[in-house]
């Protein structure tokens, strides 16, 4: 996430410094599509994984049939239900989780740094 943050911020600044060169503009467009696409993919995957992990408890609860299942199956399902109360998150310590909230924070920080760099450039 930090790499994407630096990549977006510095490439926007570089593109603004050489905004009259079409080669730099083309490289910037390709880089932005790749960087934001990569970050969007991980963000979407993180949100989907968290949402699906919360639905495991509902599926385990609906799967239990007291007429058929034994006590061992009941205990296993109870452990699954208890574990699935907290959603799974995709993260690499010490960085925050990959989700839409953090994605928007990265874009907000990139925009803030871009405006600061553009104001100091003028």
N, C-alpha and C. Protein backbone atom coordinates (compact mmCIF):
# COMPACT_ATOMS: atom_id res chain seq x y z
N UNK A 1 0.82 -1.18 0.00
CA UNK A 1 0.00 0.00 0.00
C UNK A 1 0.87 1.25 0.00
N UNK A 2 1.95 1.21 0.75
CA UNK A 2 2.85 2.37 0.77
C UNK A 2 3.51 2.55 -0.59
N UNK A 3 3.86 1.44 -1.23
CA UNK A 3 4.47 1.52 -2.55
C UNK A 3 3.49 2.14 -3.54
N UNK A 4 2.23 1.69 -3.51
CA UNK A 4 1.23 2.28 -4.40
C UNK A 4 1.01 3.75 -4.10
N UNK A 5 1.02 4.10 -2.82
CA UNK A 5 0.86 5.50 -2.42
C UNK A 5 1.99 6.36 -3.00
N UNK A 6 3.23 5.91 -2.84
CA UNK A 6 4.37 6.66 -3.37
C UNK A 6 4.37 6.67 -4.89
N UNK A 7 4.01 5.55 -5.48
CA UNK A 7 3.98 5.45 -6.93
C UNK A 7 2.99 6.44 -7.53
N UNK A 8 1.80 6.50 -6.98
CA UNK A 8 0.78 7.41 -7.49
C UNK A 8 1.19 8.86 -7.26
N UNK A 9 1.62 9.19 -6.06
CA UNK A 9 1.95 10.58 -5.74
C UNK A 9 3.11 11.10 -6.58
N UNK A 10 4.18 10.34 -6.65
CA UNK A 10 5.36 10.82 -7.39
C UNK A 10 5.15 10.82 -8.89
N UNK A 11 4.40 9.86 -9.42
CA UNK A 11 4.17 9.85 -10.86
C UNK A 11 3.24 10.99 -11.28
N UNK A 12 2.29 11.34 -10.45
CA UNK A 12 1.44 12.49 -10.76
C UNK A 12 2.27 13.76 -10.76
N UNK A 13 3.15 13.89 -9.78
CA UNK A 13 4.01 15.08 -9.73
C UNK A 13 4.93 15.13 -10.94
N UNK A 14 5.49 14.00 -11.32
CA UNK A 14 6.36 13.96 -12.50
C UNK A 14 5.59 14.33 -13.75
N UNK A 15 4.37 13.84 -13.87
CA UNK A 15 3.56 14.15 -15.05
C UNK A 15 3.19 15.63 -15.08
N UNK A 16 2.96 16.22 -13.92
CA UNK A 16 2.63 17.64 -13.89
C UNK A 16 3.85 18.50 -14.24
N UNK A 17 5.03 18.05 -13.87
CA UNK A 17 6.24 18.81 -14.20
C UNK A 17 6.52 18.79 -15.71
N UNK A 18 6.21 17.68 -16.36
CA UNK A 18 6.46 17.55 -17.80
C UNK A 18 5.15 17.37 -18.55
N UNK A 19 4.18 18.19 -18.24
CA UNK A 19 2.83 17.99 -18.80
C UNK A 19 2.73 18.31 -20.29
N UNK A 20 3.74 18.94 -20.89
CA UNK A 20 3.68 19.26 -22.32
C UNK A 20 4.34 18.20 -23.19
N UNK A 21 4.90 17.18 -22.58
CA UNK A 21 5.55 16.09 -23.30
C UNK A 21 4.57 14.93 -23.44
N UNK A 22 4.17 14.57 -24.68
CA UNK A 22 3.18 13.49 -24.84
C UNK A 22 3.69 12.12 -24.39
N UNK A 23 4.99 11.90 -24.47
CA UNK A 23 5.54 10.61 -24.03
C UNK A 23 5.34 10.44 -22.52
N UNK A 24 5.61 11.48 -21.76
CA UNK A 24 5.42 11.42 -20.31
C UNK A 24 3.94 11.25 -19.97
N UNK A 25 3.08 11.93 -20.73
CA UNK A 25 1.63 11.79 -20.49
C UNK A 25 1.17 10.36 -20.74
N UNK A 26 1.67 9.74 -21.80
CA UNK A 26 1.31 8.36 -22.09
C UNK A 26 1.81 7.39 -21.03
N UNK A 27 3.04 7.59 -20.59
CA UNK A 27 3.58 6.75 -19.52
C UNK A 27 2.78 6.92 -18.24
N UNK A 28 2.38 8.15 -17.97
CA UNK A 28 1.59 8.42 -16.77
C UNK A 28 0.25 7.70 -16.81
N UNK A 29 -0.41 7.75 -17.96
CA UNK A 29 -1.72 7.11 -18.08
C UNK A 29 -1.60 5.59 -17.87
N UNK A 30 -0.60 4.99 -18.48
CA UNK A 30 -0.40 3.54 -18.32
C UNK A 30 -0.07 3.20 -16.87
N UNK A 31 0.80 4.00 -16.25
CA UNK A 31 1.18 3.75 -14.87
C UNK A 31 -0.01 3.90 -13.92
N UNK A 32 -0.85 4.89 -14.15
CA UNK A 32 -2.02 5.09 -13.29
C UNK A 32 -3.02 3.95 -13.45
N UNK A 33 -3.21 3.50 -14.68
CA UNK A 33 -4.14 2.38 -14.89
C UNK A 33 -3.62 1.13 -14.17
N UNK A 34 -2.33 0.87 -14.27
CA UNK A 34 -1.77 -0.31 -13.62
C UNK A 34 -1.77 -0.19 -12.10
N UNK A 35 -1.34 0.96 -11.59
CA UNK A 35 -1.25 1.12 -10.13
C UNK A 35 -2.63 1.12 -9.48
N UNK A 36 -3.55 1.90 -10.03
CA UNK A 36 -4.89 1.95 -9.43
C UNK A 36 -5.66 0.66 -9.68
N UNK A 37 -5.42 0.01 -10.81
CA UNK A 37 -6.06 -1.28 -11.06
C UNK A 37 -5.57 -2.34 -10.09
N UNK A 38 -4.27 -2.35 -9.83
CA UNK A 38 -3.70 -3.30 -8.88
C UNK A 38 -4.25 -3.08 -7.49
N UNK A 39 -4.28 -1.84 -7.06
CA UNK A 39 -4.79 -1.53 -5.73
C UNK A 39 -6.29 -1.81 -5.64
N UNK A 40 -7.03 -1.52 -6.70
CA UNK A 40 -8.47 -1.80 -6.71
C UNK A 40 -8.75 -3.30 -6.63
N UNK A 41 -7.95 -4.09 -7.32
CA UNK A 41 -8.15 -5.54 -7.30
C UNK A 41 -7.95 -6.09 -5.89
N UNK A 42 -6.87 -5.71 -5.22
CA UNK A 42 -6.62 -6.19 -3.87
C UNK A 42 -7.68 -5.69 -2.91
N UNK A 43 -8.14 -4.47 -3.10
CA UNK A 43 -9.17 -3.91 -2.24
C UNK A 43 -10.48 -4.67 -2.39
N UNK A 44 -10.88 -4.91 -3.62
CA UNK A 44 -12.12 -5.64 -3.87
C UNK A 44 -12.03 -7.06 -3.32
N UNK A 45 -10.89 -7.72 -3.54
CA UNK A 45 -10.71 -9.07 -3.02
C UNK A 45 -10.76 -9.09 -1.50
N UNK A 46 -10.17 -8.11 -0.85
CA UNK A 46 -10.21 -8.03 0.62
C UNK A 46 -11.62 -7.84 1.14
N UNK A 47 -12.40 -6.97 0.48
CA UNK A 47 -13.78 -6.76 0.91
C UNK A 47 -14.64 -8.00 0.68
N UNK A 48 -14.47 -8.66 -0.46
CA UNK A 48 -15.25 -9.87 -0.74
C UNK A 48 -14.90 -10.98 0.25
N UNK A 49 -13.61 -11.13 0.55
CA UNK A 49 -13.20 -12.17 1.49
C UNK A 49 -13.79 -11.91 2.88
N UNK A 50 -13.80 -10.67 3.33
CA UNK A 50 -14.38 -10.35 4.63
C UNK A 50 -15.87 -10.62 4.65
N UNK A 51 -16.57 -10.24 3.59
CA UNK A 51 -18.01 -10.45 3.53
C UNK A 51 -18.36 -11.94 3.49
N UNK A 52 -17.64 -12.69 2.68
CA UNK A 52 -17.91 -14.12 2.58
C UNK A 52 -17.60 -14.85 3.88
N UNK A 53 -16.59 -14.40 4.60
CA UNK A 53 -16.25 -15.07 5.86
C UNK A 53 -17.34 -14.85 6.91
N UNK A 54 -18.05 -13.73 6.83
CA UNK A 54 -19.16 -13.50 7.76
C UNK A 54 -20.36 -14.38 7.45
N UNK A 55 -20.50 -14.77 6.19
CA UNK A 55 -21.64 -15.60 5.80
C UNK A 55 -21.43 -17.08 6.13
N UNK A 56 -20.24 -17.45 6.55
CA UNK A 56 -19.96 -18.84 6.92
C UNK A 56 -20.78 -19.24 8.15
N UNK A 57 -20.94 -18.33 9.10
CA UNK A 57 -21.71 -18.63 10.31
C UNK A 57 -23.16 -18.95 9.96
N UNK A 58 -23.74 -18.20 9.06
CA UNK A 58 -25.13 -18.46 8.66
C UNK A 58 -25.25 -19.83 7.98
N UNK A 59 -24.30 -20.14 7.13
CA UNK A 59 -24.35 -21.43 6.43
C UNK A 59 -24.16 -22.59 7.42
N UNK A 60 -23.28 -22.43 8.38
CA UNK A 60 -23.06 -23.50 9.37
C UNK A 60 -24.29 -23.66 10.26
N UNK A 61 -24.94 -22.56 10.61
CA UNK A 61 -26.14 -22.63 11.44
C UNK A 61 -27.27 -23.33 10.70
N UNK A 62 -27.42 -23.03 9.42
CA UNK A 62 -28.48 -23.66 8.63
C UNK A 62 -28.16 -25.13 8.33
N UNK A 63 -26.89 -25.51 8.35
CA UNK A 63 -26.50 -26.88 8.01
C UNK A 63 -26.80 -27.86 9.13
N UNK A 64 -26.92 -27.38 10.35
CA UNK A 64 -27.12 -28.30 11.48
C UNK A 64 -28.55 -28.81 11.50
N UNK A 65 -28.68 -30.12 11.55
CA UNK A 65 -29.97 -30.78 11.69
C UNK A 65 -29.89 -31.68 12.93
N UNK A 66 -30.60 -31.33 14.01
CA UNK A 66 -30.47 -32.11 15.25
C UNK A 66 -30.96 -33.55 15.12
N UNK A 67 -31.79 -33.83 14.13
CA UNK A 67 -32.30 -35.19 13.96
C UNK A 67 -31.26 -36.13 13.34
N UNK A 68 -30.33 -35.58 12.59
CA UNK A 68 -29.36 -36.41 11.88
C UNK A 68 -27.98 -36.35 12.50
N UNK A 69 -27.54 -35.16 12.87
CA UNK A 69 -26.15 -34.96 13.30
C UNK A 69 -25.89 -35.48 14.70
N UNK A 70 -24.65 -35.81 14.95
CA UNK A 70 -24.24 -36.27 16.28
C UNK A 70 -23.70 -35.09 17.08
N UNK A 71 -23.33 -35.37 18.33
CA UNK A 71 -22.80 -34.31 19.18
C UNK A 71 -21.44 -33.82 18.68
N UNK A 72 -20.66 -34.70 18.08
CA UNK A 72 -19.35 -34.29 17.55
C UNK A 72 -19.52 -33.28 16.41
N UNK A 73 -20.50 -33.55 15.54
CA UNK A 73 -20.77 -32.61 14.45
C UNK A 73 -21.28 -31.29 15.01
N UNK A 74 -22.11 -31.36 16.04
CA UNK A 74 -22.63 -30.15 16.67
C UNK A 74 -21.49 -29.32 17.25
N UNK A 75 -20.53 -29.97 17.89
CA UNK A 75 -19.38 -29.24 18.46
C UNK A 75 -18.54 -28.60 17.36
N UNK A 76 -18.33 -29.33 16.28
CA UNK A 76 -17.56 -28.77 15.16
C UNK A 76 -18.25 -27.56 14.55
N UNK A 77 -19.55 -27.66 14.37
CA UNK A 77 -20.29 -26.53 13.81
C UNK A 77 -20.30 -25.34 14.77
N UNK A 78 -20.33 -25.62 16.05
CA UNK A 78 -20.30 -24.54 17.03
C UNK A 78 -18.97 -23.79 16.98
N UNK A 79 -17.88 -24.52 16.80
CA UNK A 79 -16.56 -23.88 16.66
C UNK A 79 -16.51 -23.03 15.39
N UNK A 80 -17.07 -23.55 14.30
CA UNK A 80 -17.09 -22.79 13.05
C UNK A 80 -17.90 -21.51 13.21
N UNK A 81 -19.05 -21.61 13.86
CA UNK A 81 -19.90 -20.44 14.07
C UNK A 81 -19.20 -19.42 14.95
N UNK A 82 -18.57 -19.89 16.02
CA UNK A 82 -17.87 -18.96 16.91
C UNK A 82 -16.71 -18.27 16.20
N UNK A 83 -15.95 -19.01 15.39
CA UNK A 83 -14.81 -18.42 14.69
C UNK A 83 -15.25 -17.42 13.63
N UNK A 84 -16.37 -17.68 13.00
CA UNK A 84 -16.79 -16.82 11.89
C UNK A 84 -17.52 -15.56 12.36
N UNK A 85 -17.58 -15.32 13.65
CA UNK A 85 -18.17 -14.08 14.13
C UNK A 85 -17.28 -12.88 13.81
N UNK A 86 -15.97 -13.09 13.77
CA UNK A 86 -15.03 -12.04 13.38
C UNK A 86 -14.64 -12.27 11.93
N UNK A 87 -14.75 -11.25 11.09
CA UNK A 87 -14.44 -11.46 9.67
C UNK A 87 -12.95 -11.66 9.43
N UNK A 88 -12.64 -12.41 8.40
CA UNK A 88 -11.25 -12.54 7.98
C UNK A 88 -10.84 -11.24 7.30
N UNK A 89 -9.63 -10.82 7.55
CA UNK A 89 -9.12 -9.63 6.87
C UNK A 89 -7.81 -9.99 6.20
N UNK A 90 -7.56 -9.36 5.09
CA UNK A 90 -6.33 -9.58 4.36
C UNK A 90 -5.38 -8.43 4.68
N UNK A 91 -4.30 -8.75 5.35
CA UNK A 91 -3.35 -7.72 5.73
C UNK A 91 -1.96 -8.33 5.86
N UNK A 92 -0.98 -7.47 5.77
CA UNK A 92 0.42 -7.85 5.99
C UNK A 92 0.93 -6.95 7.11
N UNK A 93 1.25 -7.56 8.24
CA UNK A 93 1.71 -6.76 9.37
C UNK A 93 2.96 -5.99 9.00
N UNK A 94 3.13 -4.80 9.37
CA UNK A 94 2.38 -3.90 10.23
C UNK A 94 1.44 -2.98 9.47
N UNK A 95 1.10 -3.31 8.23
CA UNK A 95 0.28 -2.44 7.40
C UNK A 95 -1.20 -2.69 7.67
N UNK A 96 -2.05 -1.73 7.32
CA UNK A 96 -3.49 -1.92 7.55
C UNK A 96 -4.09 -2.92 6.56
N UNK A 97 -5.33 -3.26 6.81
CA UNK A 97 -6.03 -4.25 5.97
C UNK A 97 -6.32 -3.68 4.59
N UNK A 98 -6.44 -4.58 3.62
CA UNK A 98 -6.84 -4.19 2.27
C UNK A 98 -8.36 -4.14 2.24
N UNK A 99 -8.91 -2.94 2.25
CA UNK A 99 -10.36 -2.77 2.11
C UNK A 99 -10.64 -1.41 1.49
N UNK A 100 -11.90 -1.17 1.20
CA UNK A 100 -12.27 0.05 0.49
C UNK A 100 -12.01 1.30 1.32
N UNK A 101 -12.13 1.21 2.62
CA UNK A 101 -11.88 2.37 3.48
C UNK A 101 -10.42 2.80 3.38
N UNK A 102 -9.51 1.85 3.45
CA UNK A 102 -8.09 2.19 3.34
C UNK A 102 -7.72 2.62 1.93
N UNK A 103 -8.39 2.07 0.93
CA UNK A 103 -8.17 2.48 -0.46
C UNK A 103 -8.52 3.94 -0.65
N UNK A 104 -9.66 4.34 -0.09
CA UNK A 104 -10.06 5.75 -0.19
C UNK A 104 -9.10 6.65 0.59
N UNK A 105 -8.58 6.16 1.70
CA UNK A 105 -7.61 6.95 2.47
C UNK A 105 -6.33 7.15 1.67
N UNK A 106 -5.90 6.12 0.95
CA UNK A 106 -4.70 6.24 0.12
C UNK A 106 -4.93 7.26 -0.98
N UNK A 107 -6.07 7.18 -1.64
CA UNK A 107 -6.36 8.15 -2.70
C UNK A 107 -6.46 9.56 -2.14
N UNK A 108 -7.03 9.71 -0.96
CA UNK A 108 -7.13 11.02 -0.33
C UNK A 108 -5.74 11.58 -0.01
N UNK A 109 -4.86 10.74 0.52
CA UNK A 109 -3.49 11.18 0.82
C UNK A 109 -2.74 11.54 -0.46
N UNK A 110 -2.92 10.75 -1.50
CA UNK A 110 -2.26 11.06 -2.78
C UNK A 110 -2.72 12.40 -3.32
N UNK A 111 -4.01 12.65 -3.23
CA UNK A 111 -4.53 13.93 -3.70
C UNK A 111 -4.01 15.08 -2.85
N UNK A 112 -3.93 14.88 -1.55
CA UNK A 112 -3.40 15.93 -0.66
C UNK A 112 -1.95 16.25 -0.96
N UNK A 113 -1.14 15.23 -1.17
CA UNK A 113 0.27 15.46 -1.50
C UNK A 113 0.41 16.09 -2.87
N UNK A 114 -0.43 15.68 -3.81
CA UNK A 114 -0.39 16.28 -5.14
C UNK A 114 -0.70 17.77 -5.08
N UNK A 115 -1.73 18.14 -4.35
CA UNK A 115 -2.06 19.57 -4.26
C UNK A 115 -0.96 20.34 -3.55
N UNK A 116 -0.34 19.75 -2.55
CA UNK A 116 0.79 20.41 -1.89
C UNK A 116 1.95 20.61 -2.85
N UNK A 117 2.28 19.58 -3.62
CA UNK A 117 3.38 19.70 -4.58
C UNK A 117 3.06 20.71 -5.68
N UNK A 118 1.82 20.73 -6.14
CA UNK A 118 1.45 21.68 -7.18
C UNK A 118 1.45 23.11 -6.66
N UNK A 119 1.05 23.31 -5.41
CA UNK A 119 1.08 24.66 -4.84
C UNK A 119 2.50 25.14 -4.63
N UNK A 120 3.41 24.27 -4.26
CA UNK A 120 4.80 24.69 -4.10
C UNK A 120 5.50 24.87 -5.44
N UNK A 121 4.97 24.24 -6.48
CA UNK A 121 5.56 24.36 -7.81
C UNK A 121 5.24 25.72 -8.43
N UNK A 122 4.13 26.32 -8.06
CA UNK A 122 3.71 27.60 -8.66
C UNK A 122 4.45 28.77 -8.12
